Amino acid sequence: MKPVRIVSVRQEPEYAGEAIKYIQQCWPEVLPVIYEDCIRHSLQAKAPLPQWYLLMDNQRPIGCCGLITNDFISRSDLYPWICAVYIDEEHRGRAYSALLLDRCKQDCAALGFDHVYLSTDHIGFYEKYGFEYIGQGYHPWGEESRIYSAKV
């Protein structure tokens, strides 16, 4: 059995359609056009962000995340942001999130960033992977989220 692998959609654009479909299924509360538009335009972007990743088990996606400039949060002074981290329920508990988070950190370091950020309501999860709570941020729809930072 092959180990899981991370696909960078930008480096392997043939996965774009699969990434769009998978990420839309993981985050059904987000308008589908948002992920489609962002992923399709990332393929030819001149800037190094956004980036989108699939965690593949053989030829099947089992997880995902993105690396973007702002995660719909008030702290636009902070970037890049890891977003849309998701692992299929039946594959949780195997530290697969760590693989995606580490890839994002590596890519950020290669791009010259010294930190990466994420916003979440989870407490105690991201701390296991080197993230530190730095404060609250506010979303345009009126909610707030915890902001975490990690050195890359």
Protein backbone atom coordinates (compact mmCIF):
# COMPACT_ATOMS: atom_id res chain seq x y z
CA MET A 1 0.00 0.00 0.00
CA LYS A 2 1.34 3.43 -0.97
CA PRO A 3 1.67 6.08 1.72
CA VAL A 4 -0.44 9.20 1.49
CA ARG A 5 0.96 12.06 -0.53
CA ILE A 6 0.29 15.77 -0.81
CA VAL A 7 -0.63 17.19 -4.18
CA SER A 8 0.00 20.87 -4.83
CA VAL A 9 -2.78 21.81 -7.23
CA ARG A 10 -0.63 24.57 -8.67
CA GLN A 11 2.20 22.14 -9.41
CA GLU A 12 -0.20 19.45 -10.66
CA PRO A 13 -3.04 21.42 -12.27
CA GLU A 14 -4.69 18.27 -13.57
CA TYR A 15 -6.00 17.91 -9.99
CA ALA A 16 -7.83 21.27 -10.07
CA GLY A 17 -11.26 19.84 -10.85
CA GLU A 18 -10.91 17.17 -8.19
CA ALA A 19 -9.70 19.75 -5.66
CA ILE A 20 -12.64 22.04 -6.38
CA LYS A 21 -15.16 19.22 -5.99
CA TYR A 22 -13.54 17.83 -2.84
CA ILE A 23 -13.11 21.19 -1.07
CA GLN A 24 -16.67 22.22 -1.94
CA GLN A 25 -17.90 18.97 -0.32
CA CYS A 26 -15.79 19.58 2.80
CA TRP A 27 -17.09 23.14 3.26
CA PRO A 28 -20.71 23.08 1.97
CA GLU A 29 -21.63 26.23 3.91
CA VAL A 30 -19.33 28.28 1.65
CA LEU A 31 -20.72 29.29 -1.73
CA PRO A 32 -19.29 26.74 -4.19
CA VAL A 33 -18.19 29.43 -6.63
CA ILE A 34 -15.74 30.85 -4.08
CA TYR A 35 -13.48 27.78 -4.02
CA GLU A 36 -13.88 27.18 -7.75
CA ASP A 37 -12.95 30.76 -8.61
CA CYS A 38 -10.01 30.87 -6.20
CA ILE A 39 -8.55 27.51 -7.23
CA ARG A 40 -8.95 28.07 -10.98
CA HIS A 41 -7.33 31.53 -10.79
CA SER A 42 -4.51 30.28 -8.56
CA LEU A 43 -3.25 28.05 -11.37
CA GLN A 44 -2.03 31.02 -13.44
CA ALA A 45 -1.44 33.54 -10.67
CA LYS A 46 1.71 35.63 -10.93
CA ALA A 47 1.96 35.89 -7.14
CA PRO A 48 3.00 32.79 -5.17
CA LEU A 49 -0.32 32.69 -3.31
CA PRO A 50 -2.88 31.21 -3.21
CA GLN A 51 -1.86 27.57 -3.08
CA TRP A 52 -4.22 24.61 -2.66
CA TYR A 53 -3.36 21.11 -1.52
CA LEU A 54 -4.99 17.70 -1.54
CA LEU A 55 -3.94 14.86 0.72
CA MET A 56 -4.24 11.74 -1.44
CA ASP A 57 -4.57 8.13 -0.35
CA ASN A 58 -3.74 6.33 -3.59
CA GLN A 59 -5.96 8.19 -6.08
CA ARG A 60 -8.58 9.35 -3.56
CA PRO A 61 -8.51 12.71 -1.74
CA ILE A 62 -8.83 12.31 2.02
CA GLY A 63 -7.84 15.81 3.13
CA CYS A 64 -7.16 19.34 1.98
CA CYS A 65 -6.04 22.82 2.87
CA GLY A 66 -5.16 26.11 1.29
CA LEU A 67 -2.52 28.79 1.72
CA ILE A 68 -3.99 32.24 1.08
CA THR A 69 -3.41 35.95 1.71
CA ASN A 70 -6.48 36.54 3.92
CA ASP A 71 -9.02 34.17 5.47
CA PHE A 72 -11.99 36.58 5.54
CA ILE A 73 -10.66 38.05 8.79
CA SER A 74 -9.94 41.56 10.03
CA ARG A 75 -6.19 41.04 10.51
CA SER A 76 -5.10 41.76 6.95
CA ASP A 77 -1.73 42.83 8.37
CA LEU A 78 -0.99 39.14 8.94
CA TYR A 79 -0.31 36.66 6.12
CA PRO A 80 -0.08 34.04 4.73
CA TRP A 81 -3.02 32.10 6.14
CA ILE A 82 -3.63 28.38 6.20
CA CYS A 83 -7.29 27.76 5.48
CA ALA A 84 -9.78 24.98 4.83
CA VAL A 85 -7.86 22.31 6.76
CA TYR A 86 -9.90 19.14 6.57
CA ILE A 87 -9.31 15.40 7.00
CA ASP A 88 -12.04 12.88 6.20
CA GLU A 89 -13.53 11.58 9.41
CA GLU A 90 -12.47 7.96 8.84
CA HIS A 91 -8.83 9.08 8.47
CA ARG A 92 -8.62 11.30 11.53
CA GLY A 93 -6.39 10.42 14.47
CA ARG A 94 -3.39 9.62 12.24
CA ALA A 95 -1.78 13.08 12.37
CA TYR A 96 -2.52 13.68 8.68
CA SER A 97 -3.24 17.32 9.50
CA ALA A 98 0.40 17.61 10.54
CA LEU A 99 1.46 16.61 7.01
CA LEU A 100 -0.62 19.38 5.46
CA LEU A 101 0.41 21.97 8.06
CA ASP A 102 4.09 21.07 7.64
CA ARG A 103 3.83 21.37 3.86
CA CYS A 104 2.30 24.83 4.23
CA LYS A 105 5.07 25.84 6.62
CA GLN A 106 7.74 24.53 4.23
CA ASP A 107 6.24 26.36 1.28
CA CYS A 108 5.96 29.57 3.31
CA ALA A 109 9.61 29.31 4.33
CA ALA A 110 10.62 28.76 0.69
CA LEU A 111 8.67 31.92 -0.22
CA GLY A 112 10.55 33.95 2.41
CA PHE A 113 7.86 34.17 5.10
CA ASP A 114 8.84 33.61 8.72
CA HIS A 115 5.33 32.94 10.12
CA VAL A 116 2.06 31.47 8.98
CA TYR A 117 -1.38 32.13 10.48
CA LEU A 118 -4.75 30.48 10.79
CA SER A 119 -8.13 31.36 12.23
CA THR A 120 -10.29 28.79 13.96
CA ASP A 121 -12.66 28.07 16.78
CA HIS A 122 -10.73 24.95 17.76
CA ILE A 123 -8.88 25.14 21.07
CA GLY A 124 -6.08 22.68 21.80
CA PHE A 125 -5.74 21.18 18.31
CA TYR A 126 -3.35 23.46 16.44
CA GLU A 127 -1.21 24.00 19.53
CA LYS A 128 -0.08 20.36 19.09
CA TYR A 129 1.47 21.38 15.77
CA GLY A 130 3.45 24.42 16.89
CA PHE A 131 0.76 27.10 16.64
CA GLU A 132 0.34 29.73 19.34
CA TYR A 133 -2.81 31.71 20.05
CA ILE A 134 -2.17 35.42 19.41
CA GLY A 135 -5.64 37.01 19.68
CA GLN A 136 -9.07 37.38 18.21
CA GLY A 137 -10.02 38.43 14.70
CA TYR A 138 -13.36 39.45 13.21
CA HIS A 139 -15.15 38.21 10.11
CA PRO A 140 -17.26 40.36 7.77
CA TRP A 141 -20.38 38.38 8.73
CA GLY A 142 -20.06 39.45 12.37
CA GLU A 143 -18.41 36.42 13.98
CA GLU A 144 -15.00 36.28 15.57
CA SER A 145 -12.32 33.59 15.52
CA ARG A 146 -9.16 32.75 17.36
CA ILE A 147 -5.96 33.61 15.48
CA TYR A 148 -2.92 31.36 15.70
CA SER A 149 0.62 31.86 14.48
CA ALA A 150 3.48 29.45 13.87
CA LYS A 151 7.09 29.97 12.91
CA VAL A 152 8.05 28.37 9.63
